[in-house]
Amino acid sequence: MNIYRRAVMHGWRMLAALFLAITFVLAVDIFLGHSSLAFGAAIVGLVIANTPMLRFNCPKCGKNLFFRGIFVIPWPNRICGKCGLELDSDGPGTLHQNR
């Protein structure tokens, strides 16, 4: 499995984690009343679930697939924004002239 497909799977896992965090906070709010602790626990859980994002880097230049400049986007780049390597191929990769 190539790095782009693994990064896409991470994106879907984060969507599921977000759904679970929202459901957890709503359930606590319904059954126990408003709780800042539940919200804090959901945030900490999302941060922990998102730490693997830092390992999805271009194999050629090391640029993270989720970063677009200084911004973090929830879906990975298919083509590296720095070196132009095609990240969704199973072979050694194809270079694209994007700069």
N, C-alpha and C. Protein backbone atom coordinates (compact mmCIF):
# COMPACT_ATOMS: atom_id res chain seq x y z
N MET A 1 0.86 -1.18 0.00
CA MET A 1 0.00 0.00 0.00
C MET A 1 0.91 1.24 0.00
N ASN A 2 0.61 2.17 -0.89
CA ASN A 2 1.46 3.36 -0.98
C ASN A 2 1.09 4.40 0.07
N ILE A 3 1.94 5.42 0.18
CA ILE A 3 1.77 6.42 1.24
C ILE A 3 0.49 7.22 1.07
N TYR A 4 0.09 7.48 -0.18
CA TYR A 4 -1.14 8.26 -0.39
C TYR A 4 -2.36 7.49 0.11
N ARG A 5 -2.44 6.21 -0.18
CA ARG A 5 -3.59 5.41 0.28
C ARG A 5 -3.62 5.30 1.80
N ARG A 6 -2.44 5.17 2.42
CA ARG A 6 -2.40 5.15 3.89
C ARG A 6 -2.85 6.49 4.47
N ALA A 7 -2.47 7.59 3.82
CA ALA A 7 -2.89 8.91 4.28
C ALA A 7 -4.39 9.11 4.10
N VAL A 8 -4.95 8.59 3.01
CA VAL A 8 -6.40 8.67 2.79
C VAL A 8 -7.13 7.88 3.87
N MET A 9 -6.61 6.70 4.21
CA MET A 9 -7.23 5.91 5.28
C MET A 9 -7.17 6.67 6.61
N HIS A 10 -6.09 7.40 6.85
CA HIS A 10 -5.99 8.21 8.06
C HIS A 10 -7.06 9.31 8.03
N GLY A 11 -7.29 9.92 6.87
CA GLY A 11 -8.34 10.93 6.76
C GLY A 11 -9.71 10.37 7.12
N TRP A 12 -10.01 9.17 6.64
CA TRP A 12 -11.30 8.54 6.97
C TRP A 12 -11.38 8.18 8.45
N ARG A 13 -10.25 7.71 9.02
CA ARG A 13 -10.25 7.40 10.47
C ARG A 13 -10.48 8.66 11.29
N MET A 14 -9.92 9.78 10.85
CA MET A 14 -10.13 11.03 11.58
C MET A 14 -11.58 11.49 11.47
N LEU A 15 -12.22 11.26 10.33
CA LEU A 15 -13.64 11.59 10.20
C LEU A 15 -14.46 10.75 11.17
N ALA A 16 -14.14 9.46 11.29
CA ALA A 16 -14.84 8.60 12.25
C ALA A 16 -14.56 9.03 13.69
N ALA A 17 -13.30 9.43 13.98
CA ALA A 17 -12.97 9.89 15.33
C ALA A 17 -13.72 11.18 15.66
N LEU A 18 -13.87 12.06 14.69
CA LEU A 18 -14.63 13.29 14.91
C LEU A 18 -16.09 12.98 15.20
N PHE A 19 -16.66 12.04 14.46
CA PHE A 19 -18.04 11.63 14.71
C PHE A 19 -18.19 11.06 16.12
N LEU A 20 -17.25 10.21 16.53
CA LEU A 20 -17.31 9.63 17.88
C LEU A 20 -17.15 10.71 18.95
N ALA A 21 -16.27 11.68 18.73
CA ALA A 21 -16.06 12.74 19.71
C ALA A 21 -17.32 13.59 19.86
N ILE A 22 -17.95 13.93 18.74
CA ILE A 22 -19.20 14.71 18.79
C ILE A 22 -20.29 13.93 19.49
N THR A 23 -20.39 12.63 19.16
CA THR A 23 -21.40 11.77 19.80
C THR A 23 -21.16 11.66 21.30
N PHE A 24 -19.89 11.54 21.70
CA PHE A 24 -19.55 11.46 23.12
C PHE A 24 -19.97 12.73 23.85
N VAL A 25 -19.63 13.89 23.29
CA VAL A 25 -19.96 15.16 23.95
C VAL A 25 -21.47 15.34 24.03
N LEU A 26 -22.20 14.99 22.96
CA LEU A 26 -23.66 15.10 22.98
C LEU A 26 -24.28 14.15 23.99
N ALA A 27 -23.76 12.92 24.08
CA ALA A 27 -24.30 11.96 25.04
C ALA A 27 -24.08 12.42 26.47
N VAL A 28 -22.90 12.94 26.76
CA VAL A 28 -22.65 13.45 28.11
C VAL A 28 -23.56 14.64 28.40
N ASP A 29 -23.75 15.49 27.41
CA ASP A 29 -24.61 16.66 27.58
C ASP A 29 -26.06 16.25 27.84
N ILE A 30 -26.52 15.22 27.15
CA ILE A 30 -27.91 14.78 27.33
C ILE A 30 -28.11 14.11 28.68
N PHE A 31 -27.20 13.22 29.07
CA PHE A 31 -27.40 12.42 30.27
C PHE A 31 -26.89 13.06 31.56
N LEU A 32 -25.83 13.85 31.48
CA LEU A 32 -25.25 14.42 32.69
C LEU A 32 -25.29 15.95 32.73
N GLY A 33 -25.70 16.56 31.66
CA GLY A 33 -25.67 18.02 31.60
C GLY A 33 -24.37 18.51 30.99
N HIS A 34 -24.29 19.79 30.82
CA HIS A 34 -23.12 20.39 30.18
C HIS A 34 -21.85 20.09 30.97
N SER A 35 -20.80 19.66 30.25
CA SER A 35 -19.55 19.33 30.91
C SER A 35 -18.37 19.78 30.07
N SER A 36 -17.58 20.66 30.62
CA SER A 36 -16.35 21.08 29.95
C SER A 36 -15.32 19.95 29.95
N LEU A 37 -15.41 19.07 30.93
CA LEU A 37 -14.48 17.93 30.98
C LEU A 37 -14.70 16.98 29.81
N ALA A 38 -15.96 16.75 29.44
CA ALA A 38 -16.25 15.88 28.30
C ALA A 38 -15.71 16.51 27.01
N PHE A 39 -15.89 17.81 26.86
CA PHE A 39 -15.39 18.50 25.69
C PHE A 39 -13.86 18.43 25.66
N GLY A 40 -13.23 18.64 26.79
CA GLY A 40 -11.77 18.56 26.86
C GLY A 40 -11.26 17.16 26.54
N ALA A 41 -11.96 16.15 27.04
CA ALA A 41 -11.58 14.75 26.76
C ALA A 41 -11.71 14.46 25.27
N ALA A 42 -12.75 14.99 24.63
CA ALA A 42 -12.94 14.79 23.20
C ALA A 42 -11.81 15.44 22.41
N ILE A 43 -11.41 16.65 22.81
CA ILE A 43 -10.32 17.34 22.13
C ILE A 43 -9.00 16.59 22.29
N VAL A 44 -8.71 16.14 23.49
CA VAL A 44 -7.48 15.37 23.72
C VAL A 44 -7.50 14.08 22.90
N GLY A 45 -8.64 13.41 22.84
CA GLY A 45 -8.76 12.20 22.03
C GLY A 45 -8.52 12.47 20.55
N LEU A 46 -9.03 13.59 20.04
CA LEU A 46 -8.82 13.93 18.64
C LEU A 46 -7.35 14.26 18.36
N VAL A 47 -6.71 14.94 19.28
CA VAL A 47 -5.29 15.27 19.09
C VAL A 47 -4.46 13.99 19.08
N ILE A 48 -4.75 13.07 19.99
CA ILE A 48 -4.03 11.80 20.03
C ILE A 48 -4.28 10.98 18.77
N ALA A 49 -5.54 10.96 18.31
CA ALA A 49 -5.87 10.20 17.10
C ALA A 49 -5.21 10.79 15.86
N ASN A 50 -4.89 12.09 15.88
CA ASN A 50 -4.33 12.74 14.70
C ASN A 50 -2.80 12.74 14.68
N THR A 51 -2.14 12.27 15.71
CA THR A 51 -0.67 12.30 15.72
C THR A 51 -0.03 11.48 14.59
N PRO A 52 -0.63 10.38 14.09
CA PRO A 52 0.00 9.68 12.96
C PRO A 52 0.11 10.54 11.70
N MET A 53 -0.63 11.64 11.63
CA MET A 53 -0.58 12.51 10.45
C MET A 53 0.84 13.01 10.21
N LEU A 54 1.62 13.17 11.25
CA LEU A 54 2.97 13.71 11.11
C LEU A 54 3.93 12.73 10.45
N ARG A 55 3.54 11.48 10.29
CA ARG A 55 4.40 10.47 9.64
C ARG A 55 4.16 10.34 8.15
N PHE A 56 3.15 11.01 7.60
CA PHE A 56 2.84 10.89 6.18
C PHE A 56 3.61 11.96 5.41
N ASN A 57 4.86 11.64 5.07
CA ASN A 57 5.73 12.57 4.37
C ASN A 57 6.12 12.02 3.01
N CYS A 58 6.44 12.93 2.09
CA CYS A 58 6.91 12.54 0.77
C CYS A 58 8.20 11.75 0.91
N PRO A 59 8.32 10.58 0.26
CA PRO A 59 9.53 9.78 0.40
C PRO A 59 10.75 10.42 -0.25
N LYS A 60 10.53 11.37 -1.15
CA LYS A 60 11.66 11.99 -1.84
C LYS A 60 12.18 13.23 -1.10
N CYS A 61 11.28 14.14 -0.72
CA CYS A 61 11.73 15.42 -0.14
C CYS A 61 11.33 15.60 1.32
N GLY A 62 10.40 14.80 1.84
CA GLY A 62 10.03 14.86 3.24
C GLY A 62 8.89 15.81 3.58
N LYS A 63 8.26 16.44 2.57
CA LYS A 63 7.15 17.36 2.84
C LYS A 63 5.92 16.56 3.27
N ASN A 64 5.22 17.05 4.29
CA ASN A 64 4.04 16.36 4.80
C ASN A 64 2.90 16.45 3.79
N LEU A 65 2.14 15.35 3.63
CA LEU A 65 1.06 15.30 2.65
C LEU A 65 -0.14 16.14 3.03
N PHE A 66 -0.30 16.45 4.30
CA PHE A 66 -1.48 17.18 4.76
C PHE A 66 -1.25 18.69 4.86
N PHE A 67 -0.03 19.15 4.76
CA PHE A 67 0.26 20.58 4.89
C PHE A 67 0.22 21.26 3.52
N ARG A 68 -0.46 22.41 3.47
CA ARG A 68 -0.44 23.27 2.28
C ARG A 68 0.11 24.62 2.75
N GLY A 69 1.40 24.79 2.67
CA GLY A 69 2.03 25.98 3.24
C GLY A 69 1.99 25.89 4.75
N ILE A 70 1.38 26.88 5.40
CA ILE A 70 1.27 26.85 6.86
C ILE A 70 -0.04 26.24 7.33
N PHE A 71 -0.92 25.90 6.39
CA PHE A 71 -2.24 25.36 6.73
C PHE A 71 -2.24 23.84 6.68
N VAL A 72 -3.03 23.23 7.57
CA VAL A 72 -3.24 21.77 7.57
C VAL A 72 -4.61 21.51 6.99
N ILE A 73 -4.67 20.68 5.97
CA ILE A 73 -5.90 20.35 5.26
C ILE A 73 -6.26 18.89 5.60
N PRO A 74 -7.54 18.57 5.76
CA PRO A 74 -7.90 17.21 6.19
C PRO A 74 -7.74 16.12 5.13
N TRP A 75 -7.35 16.48 3.89
CA TRP A 75 -7.17 15.47 2.86
C TRP A 75 -5.77 15.57 2.28
N PRO A 76 -5.07 14.46 2.05
CA PRO A 76 -3.67 14.52 1.62
C PRO A 76 -3.50 14.93 0.16
N ASN A 77 -2.31 15.45 -0.16
CA ASN A 77 -1.93 15.74 -1.54
C ASN A 77 -1.70 14.46 -2.30
N ARG A 78 -2.17 14.40 -3.54
CA ARG A 78 -1.89 13.26 -4.40
C ARG A 78 -0.52 13.42 -5.06
N ILE A 79 -0.14 14.67 -5.29
CA ILE A 79 1.14 15.00 -5.89
C ILE A 79 1.86 15.94 -4.93
N CYS A 80 3.10 15.65 -4.62
CA CYS A 80 3.86 16.46 -3.68
C CYS A 80 3.96 17.90 -4.17
N GLY A 81 3.65 18.83 -3.28
CA GLY A 81 3.69 20.24 -3.64
C GLY A 81 5.09 20.81 -3.69
N LYS A 82 6.08 20.08 -3.20
CA LYS A 82 7.45 20.59 -3.19
C LYS A 82 8.28 20.02 -4.33
N CYS A 83 8.30 18.70 -4.47
CA CYS A 83 9.15 18.08 -5.49
C CYS A 83 8.37 17.56 -6.69
N GLY A 84 7.03 17.47 -6.61
CA GLY A 84 6.22 17.03 -7.74
C GLY A 84 6.10 15.53 -7.90
N LEU A 85 6.49 14.76 -6.90
CA LEU A 85 6.40 13.31 -6.97
C LEU A 85 4.94 12.87 -6.88
N GLU A 86 4.54 11.96 -7.78
CA GLU A 86 3.18 11.41 -7.74
C GLU A 86 3.13 10.37 -6.63
N LEU A 87 2.35 10.66 -5.58
CA LEU A 87 2.37 9.84 -4.37
C LEU A 87 1.38 8.69 -4.39
N ASP A 88 0.49 8.63 -5.38
CA ASP A 88 -0.50 7.55 -5.39
C ASP A 88 -0.10 6.41 -6.32
N SER A 89 1.13 6.41 -6.81
CA SER A 89 1.57 5.30 -7.66
C SER A 89 2.25 4.25 -6.80
N ASP A 90 2.18 3.00 -7.23
CA ASP A 90 2.79 1.91 -6.47
C ASP A 90 4.26 1.72 -6.81
N GLY A 91 4.68 2.26 -7.94
CA GLY A 91 6.07 2.14 -8.37
C GLY A 91 6.95 3.19 -7.72
N PRO A 92 8.09 3.48 -8.38
CA PRO A 92 8.99 4.48 -7.80
C PRO A 92 8.45 5.89 -7.85
N GLY A 93 7.38 6.11 -8.59
CA GLY A 93 6.76 7.44 -8.61
C GLY A 93 7.10 8.20 -9.88
N THR A 94 6.25 9.11 -10.25
CA THR A 94 6.41 9.93 -11.43
C THR A 94 6.56 11.37 -10.98
N LEU A 95 7.50 12.06 -11.57
CA LEU A 95 7.68 13.48 -11.24
C LEU A 95 6.80 14.34 -12.13
N HIS A 96 6.15 15.32 -11.53
CA HIS A 96 5.33 16.27 -12.26
C HIS A 96 5.97 17.64 -12.12
N GLN A 97 5.92 18.39 -13.18
CA GLN A 97 6.46 19.75 -13.15
C GLN A 97 5.34 20.68 -12.70
N ASN A 98 5.26 20.98 -11.42
CA ASN A 98 4.20 21.82 -10.90
C ASN A 98 4.72 23.14 -10.37
N ARG A 99 5.98 23.40 -10.50
CA ARG A 99 6.54 24.69 -10.06
C ARG A 99 7.45 25.23 -11.10
